[in-house]
């Protein structure tokens, strides 16, 4: 079930990316970050109140750490998109699954349990191989700095996802985790708007402004689903499932932007889906004692 939550999150994030693509015609990156965070913060506050829950948290510093790493990762990803070919920036960000696997296997080595993670590690690496086949990234020598920043976005995403898992084990609800991340996003976006030029609303096209609220709502739904997946599921399985976002992005590219997907790209999509299915099967057989069972 947790794998399905990650697939849902990937769909919401891919849909949000479509909105960002359109909204960026009128808004700069700090503005997009701010409006995304603001709408998401209001949306999640309403959800929490509607469910009769509280926004009070017993682990505020864990939220500060998660939000700090998450927002830095987001900003790095946006910077990579602005200064690198889109395929390269997306691939570097989707390396988060590989970094998660490296962190987990590295930790397992310390306790002599790395052999249990081997098969799942292979599925994560295969999933990233599918990402490479799908996107076929390239990078020029004069884009080295942006490439390093894009690489950091993947590392940051991996660390943020691991912190989400820690918050779930600490008993924090998905709704509060998403809410406080939205607060951090809003604050960082606001600071960015103070330090960089912004677009006057009189110059904003209504077609672009219309995406502001959907972006925030989709971000909330994506973060909510992702948080539920990582807080209750097997981390490596969920990491494999995040590659399904490439499948949704490919569909949107075909239907909305008329992009062409080469045969090798379709092969990559098949590898991504197969790795996710294999990870689910391996997890059920070899790793029964996971957070999903513990809660």
Protein backbone atom coordinates (compact mmCIF):
# COMPACT_ATOMS: atom_id res chain seq x y z
CA UNK A 1 0.00 0.00 0.00
CA UNK A 2 2.87 2.38 0.83
CA UNK A 3 4.24 1.92 -2.69
CA UNK A 4 0.91 3.18 -4.06
CA UNK A 5 1.25 6.31 -1.94
CA UNK A 6 4.59 7.03 -3.63
CA UNK A 7 3.08 6.50 -7.08
CA UNK A 8 0.32 8.98 -6.16
CA UNK A 9 2.97 11.43 -4.92
CA UNK A 10 4.87 11.10 -8.19
CA UNK A 11 1.70 11.88 -10.15
CA UNK A 12 0.99 14.97 -8.06
CA UNK A 13 4.59 16.21 -8.36
CA UNK A 14 4.61 15.66 -12.13
CA UNK A 15 1.35 17.60 -12.39
CA UNK A 16 2.82 20.35 -10.24
CA UNK A 17 5.85 20.51 -12.55
CA UNK A 18 3.51 21.18 -15.47
CA UNK A 19 2.05 24.09 -13.54
CA UNK A 20 5.51 25.43 -12.68
CA UNK A 21 6.50 25.23 -16.34
CA UNK A 22 3.59 27.48 -17.27
CA UNK A 23 3.82 29.79 -14.22
CA UNK A 24 7.53 30.40 -14.83
CA UNK A 25 6.60 32.44 -17.90
CA UNK A 26 5.67 35.25 -15.50
CA UNK A 27 7.24 34.40 -12.14
CA UNK A 28 10.84 33.97 -11.02
CA UNK A 29 12.03 30.98 -9.01
CA UNK A 30 11.76 32.65 -5.54
CA UNK A 31 8.21 33.75 -6.37
CA UNK A 32 7.20 30.25 -7.43
CA UNK A 33 8.73 28.83 -4.25
CA UNK A 34 6.92 31.42 -2.10
CA UNK A 35 3.50 30.99 -3.64
CA UNK A 36 3.83 27.22 -3.66
CA UNK A 37 4.70 27.27 0.04
CA UNK A 38 2.01 29.79 1.01
CA UNK A 39 -0.84 27.98 -0.72
CA UNK A 40 0.38 24.64 0.61
CA UNK A 41 0.64 26.01 4.15
CA UNK A 42 -2.95 27.31 4.10
CA UNK A 43 -4.25 24.13 2.47
CA UNK A 44 -2.60 21.84 5.04
CA UNK A 45 -3.70 24.05 7.96
CA UNK A 46 -7.30 23.67 6.78
CA UNK A 47 -6.85 19.90 6.42
CA UNK A 48 -5.41 19.56 9.92
CA UNK A 49 -8.20 21.63 11.47
CA UNK A 50 -10.88 19.78 9.50
CA UNK A 51 -9.61 16.49 10.92
CA UNK A 52 -9.75 17.88 14.43
CA UNK A 53 -5.99 17.57 14.86
CA UNK A 54 -3.48 20.04 16.25
CA UNK A 55 -0.55 21.83 14.64
CA UNK A 56 1.41 21.66 17.88
CA UNK A 57 4.46 19.44 17.51
CA UNK A 58 6.66 17.73 20.06
CA UNK A 59 9.67 17.65 17.70
CA UNK A 60 10.08 21.21 16.36
CA UNK A 61 13.80 20.91 15.68
CA UNK A 62 13.28 17.81 13.54
CA UNK A 63 10.92 19.88 11.40
CA UNK A 64 13.46 22.69 11.18
CA UNK A 65 16.12 20.27 9.96
CA UNK A 66 13.77 18.56 7.49
CA UNK A 67 12.52 21.89 6.12
CA UNK A 68 16.02 23.35 5.82
CA UNK A 69 17.38 20.39 3.86
CA UNK A 70 14.20 20.09 1.77
CA UNK A 71 14.11 23.75 0.74
CA UNK A 72 17.83 23.77 -0.11
CA UNK A 73 17.24 20.70 -2.27
CA UNK A 74 14.28 22.36 -3.97
CA UNK A 75 16.24 25.53 -4.67
CA UNK A 76 19.14 23.50 -6.05
CA UNK A 77 16.78 21.61 -8.33
CA UNK A 78 15.26 24.86 -9.66
CA UNK A 79 18.77 26.26 -10.21
CA UNK A 80 19.74 23.13 -12.12
CA UNK A 81 16.65 23.42 -14.31
CA UNK A 82 17.50 27.06 -15.07
CA UNK A 83 21.15 26.41 -16.01
CA UNK A 84 21.24 22.85 -17.33
CA UNK A 85 19.41 20.88 -20.00
CA UNK A 86 16.14 19.78 -18.40
CA UNK A 87 16.98 16.10 -18.86
CA UNK A 88 20.26 16.54 -16.99
CA UNK A 89 18.71 18.47 -14.11
CA UNK A 90 15.92 15.95 -13.66
CA UNK A 91 18.29 12.99 -13.76
CA UNK A 92 20.57 14.52 -11.14
CA UNK A 93 17.59 15.13 -8.87
CA UNK A 94 16.26 11.59 -9.39
CA UNK A 95 19.59 10.26 -8.12
CA UNK A 96 18.06 10.67 -4.65
CA UNK A 97 16.97 7.02 -4.74
CA UNK A 98 20.54 5.94 -5.37
CA UNK A 99 21.81 8.13 -2.53
CA UNK A 100 19.15 6.69 -0.20
CA UNK A 101 20.33 3.19 -1.08
CA UNK A 102 23.94 4.21 -0.46
CA UNK A 103 23.06 5.65 2.96
CA UNK A 104 21.08 2.58 4.00
CA UNK A 105 23.62 0.04 2.74
CA UNK A 106 26.43 2.07 4.30
CA UNK A 107 24.62 1.99 7.63
CA UNK A 108 23.97 -1.74 7.25
CA UNK A 109 27.69 -2.33 6.70
CA UNK A 110 28.34 -0.96 10.18
CA UNK A 111 26.07 -3.64 11.66
CA UNK A 112 27.05 -6.49 9.33
CA UNK A 113 23.62 -6.66 7.69
CA UNK A 114 24.41 -5.32 4.22
CA UNK A 115 23.56 -8.65 2.56
CA UNK A 116 19.87 -8.09 3.36
CA UNK A 117 19.88 -4.84 1.37
CA UNK A 118 21.69 -6.16 -1.70
CA UNK A 119 18.71 -7.22 -3.85
CA UNK A 120 16.78 -4.02 -3.12
CA UNK A 121 19.86 -1.93 -3.85
CA UNK A 122 20.03 -3.57 -7.28
CA UNK A 123 16.40 -2.59 -8.00
CA UNK A 124 17.08 1.04 -7.06
CA UNK A 125 20.16 1.16 -9.28
CA UNK A 126 18.18 -0.47 -12.10
CA UNK A 127 15.49 2.16 -11.66
CA UNK A 128 18.06 4.92 -12.01
CA UNK A 129 19.41 3.15 -15.09
CA UNK A 130 15.90 3.45 -16.50
CA UNK A 131 15.92 7.17 -15.72
CA UNK A 132 19.15 7.56 -17.69
CA UNK A 133 17.72 5.62 -20.65
CA UNK A 134 14.57 7.75 -20.58
CA UNK A 135 16.23 11.15 -20.28
CA UNK A 136 19.61 10.54 -21.95
CA UNK A 137 21.27 13.48 -20.12
CA UNK A 138 24.29 15.45 -21.32
CA UNK A 139 26.43 18.11 -19.66
CA UNK A 140 28.92 20.59 -21.12
CA UNK A 141 32.20 21.64 -19.53
CA UNK A 142 30.99 25.20 -18.93
CA UNK A 143 28.04 23.85 -16.91
CA UNK A 144 30.14 22.11 -14.29
CA UNK A 145 29.08 24.35 -11.39
CA UNK A 146 25.39 23.99 -12.23
CA UNK A 147 25.94 20.25 -12.52
CA UNK A 148 27.39 20.13 -9.01
CA UNK A 149 24.42 22.12 -7.71
CA UNK A 150 22.04 19.75 -9.49
CA UNK A 151 23.84 16.80 -7.95
CA UNK A 152 23.39 18.37 -4.52
CA UNK A 153 19.64 18.53 -5.15
CA UNK A 154 19.59 14.74 -5.38
CA UNK A 155 21.63 14.34 -2.21
CA UNK A 156 19.41 16.88 -0.45
CA UNK A 157 16.28 15.04 -1.54
CA UNK A 158 17.67 11.78 -0.20
CA UNK A 159 18.48 13.36 3.17
CA UNK A 160 15.05 15.00 3.32
CA UNK A 161 13.31 11.71 2.59
CA UNK A 162 15.33 9.98 5.30
CA UNK A 163 14.30 12.71 7.75
CA UNK A 164 10.66 12.16 6.79
CA UNK A 165 11.13 8.51 7.75
CA UNK A 166 12.61 9.61 11.10
CA UNK A 167 9.65 11.93 11.73
CA UNK A 168 7.25 9.06 11.06
CA UNK A 169 9.09 6.84 13.54
CA UNK A 170 8.94 9.68 16.07
CA UNK A 171 5.16 9.57 15.81
CA UNK A 172 4.69 12.79 13.85
CA UNK A 173 1.66 12.90 11.58
CA UNK A 174 1.99 13.31 7.82
CA UNK A 175 -0.17 16.43 7.89
CA UNK A 176 2.01 18.28 10.38
CA UNK A 177 5.19 17.24 8.57
CA UNK A 178 3.88 18.67 5.30
CA UNK A 179 2.57 21.81 7.03
CA UNK A 180 5.89 22.71 8.62
CA UNK A 181 7.77 22.02 5.40
CA UNK A 182 5.37 24.45 3.70
CA UNK A 183 6.13 27.04 6.39
CA UNK A 184 9.85 26.69 5.69
CA UNK A 185 9.26 26.93 1.93
CA UNK A 186 7.22 30.12 2.37
CA UNK A 187 9.86 31.78 4.54
CA UNK A 188 12.70 30.96 2.16
CA UNK A 189 10.68 32.09 -0.84
CA UNK A 190 9.84 35.38 0.91
CA UNK A 191 13.50 36.05 1.66
CA UNK A 192 14.37 35.28 -1.95
CA UNK A 193 11.75 37.75 -3.17
CA UNK A 194 13.25 40.46 -0.95
CA UNK A 195 16.73 39.86 -2.37
CA UNK A 196 15.82 39.48 -6.05
CA UNK A 197 13.62 41.40 -8.52
CA UNK A 198 9.99 40.29 -8.65
CA UNK A 199 7.35 40.56 -11.35
CA UNK A 200 4.67 43.24 -10.73
CA UNK A 201 1.21 41.67 -10.77
CA UNK A 202 0.21 44.14 -13.46
CA UNK A 203 2.68 42.37 -15.77
CA UNK A 204 1.63 38.83 -14.87
CA UNK A 205 -0.43 36.98 -17.47
CA UNK A 206 -3.64 35.58 -16.04
CA UNK A 207 -2.91 32.23 -17.69
CA UNK A 208 0.25 31.98 -15.59
CA UNK A 209 -1.32 33.37 -12.40
CA UNK A 210 -4.09 30.77 -12.66
CA UNK A 211 -1.51 28.08 -11.83
CA UNK A 212 -0.47 29.59 -8.47
CA UNK A 213 -3.15 27.88 -6.38
CA UNK A 214 -3.08 24.50 -8.21
CA UNK A 215 0.72 24.37 -7.78
CA UNK A 216 0.37 24.77 -4.02
CA UNK A 217 -2.46 22.25 -3.72
CA UNK A 218 -0.64 19.68 -5.89
CA UNK A 219 2.53 20.24 -3.86
CA UNK A 220 0.55 19.57 -0.67
CA UNK A 221 -0.99 16.39 -2.04
CA UNK A 222 2.39 15.24 -3.34
CA UNK A 223 4.20 15.95 -0.07
CA UNK A 224 1.36 14.40 1.92
CA UNK A 225 1.46 11.19 -0.12
CA UNK A 226 5.27 11.09 -0.17
CA UNK A 227 5.44 11.62 3.60
CA UNK A 228 2.95 8.81 4.19
CA UNK A 229 4.96 6.52 1.91
CA UNK A 230 8.33 7.18 3.55
CA UNK A 231 7.03 7.28 7.13
CA UNK A 232 5.21 3.93 6.92
CA UNK A 233 6.89 2.01 4.09
CA UNK A 234 10.20 0.37 3.25
CA UNK A 235 12.53 3.22 2.30
CA UNK A 236 14.24 1.42 -0.58
CA UNK A 237 10.92 0.27 -2.08
CA UNK A 238 9.51 3.78 -1.91
CA UNK A 239 12.73 5.10 -3.45
CA UNK A 240 12.21 2.77 -6.39
CA UNK A 241 8.60 3.85 -6.80
CA UNK A 242 9.51 7.52 -7.04
CA UNK A 243 10.86 6.83 -10.54
CA UNK A 244 7.25 6.49 -11.69
CA UNK A 245 7.30 10.28 -11.82
CA UNK A 246 9.29 9.96 -15.04
CA UNK A 247 6.47 7.90 -16.53
CA UNK A 248 3.90 10.57 -15.69
CA UNK A 249 6.22 13.31 -16.96
CA UNK A 250 6.61 11.43 -20.25
CA UNK A 251 2.85 11.18 -20.65
CA UNK A 252 2.44 14.89 -19.98
CA UNK A 253 5.21 15.65 -22.47
CA UNK A 254 3.39 13.67 -25.16
CA UNK A 255 -0.11 14.98 -24.51
CA UNK A 256 0.52 18.59 -23.46
CA UNK A 257 3.77 19.63 -25.13
CA UNK A 258 3.96 17.34 -28.16
CA UNK A 259 7.40 16.01 -27.20
CA UNK A 260 8.75 12.89 -28.91
CA UNK A 261 9.92 9.88 -26.89
CA UNK A 262 12.48 7.70 -28.67
CA UNK A 263 12.38 3.88 -28.47
CA UNK A 264 15.23 3.96 -25.94
CA UNK A 265 13.10 6.26 -23.81
CA UNK A 266 10.23 3.78 -23.79
CA UNK A 267 12.75 1.07 -22.83
CA UNK A 268 13.81 3.23 -19.92
CA UNK A 269 10.20 3.63 -18.80
CA UNK A 270 9.79 -0.16 -18.89
CA UNK A 271 12.91 -0.59 -16.77
CA UNK A 272 11.59 1.96 -14.26
CA UNK A 273 8.27 0.18 -13.88
CA UNK A 274 9.93 -3.25 -13.69
CA UNK A 275 12.33 -2.09 -10.97
CA UNK A 276 9.43 -0.81 -8.89
CA UNK A 277 7.53 -4.09 -9.19
CA UNK A 278 10.67 -6.09 -8.38
CA UNK A 279 11.42 -3.92 -5.35
CA UNK A 280 7.91 -4.51 -4.00
CA UNK A 281 8.25 -8.29 -4.42
CA UNK A 282 11.73 -8.39 -2.86
CA UNK A 283 10.63 -6.29 0.07
CA UNK A 284 7.73 -8.62 0.85
CA UNK A 285 10.02 -11.67 0.74
CA UNK A 286 13.27 -10.49 2.29
CA UNK A 287 12.47 -7.49 4.51
CA UNK A 288 9.34 -8.25 6.50
CA UNK A 289 10.51 -6.22 9.51
CA UNK A 290 10.12 -2.67 8.19
CA UNK A 291 8.44 0.53 9.41
CA UNK A 292 5.29 -0.49 7.53
CA UNK A 293 4.91 -3.47 9.84
CA UNK A 294 6.08 -1.68 12.96
CA UNK A 295 3.28 0.93 12.92
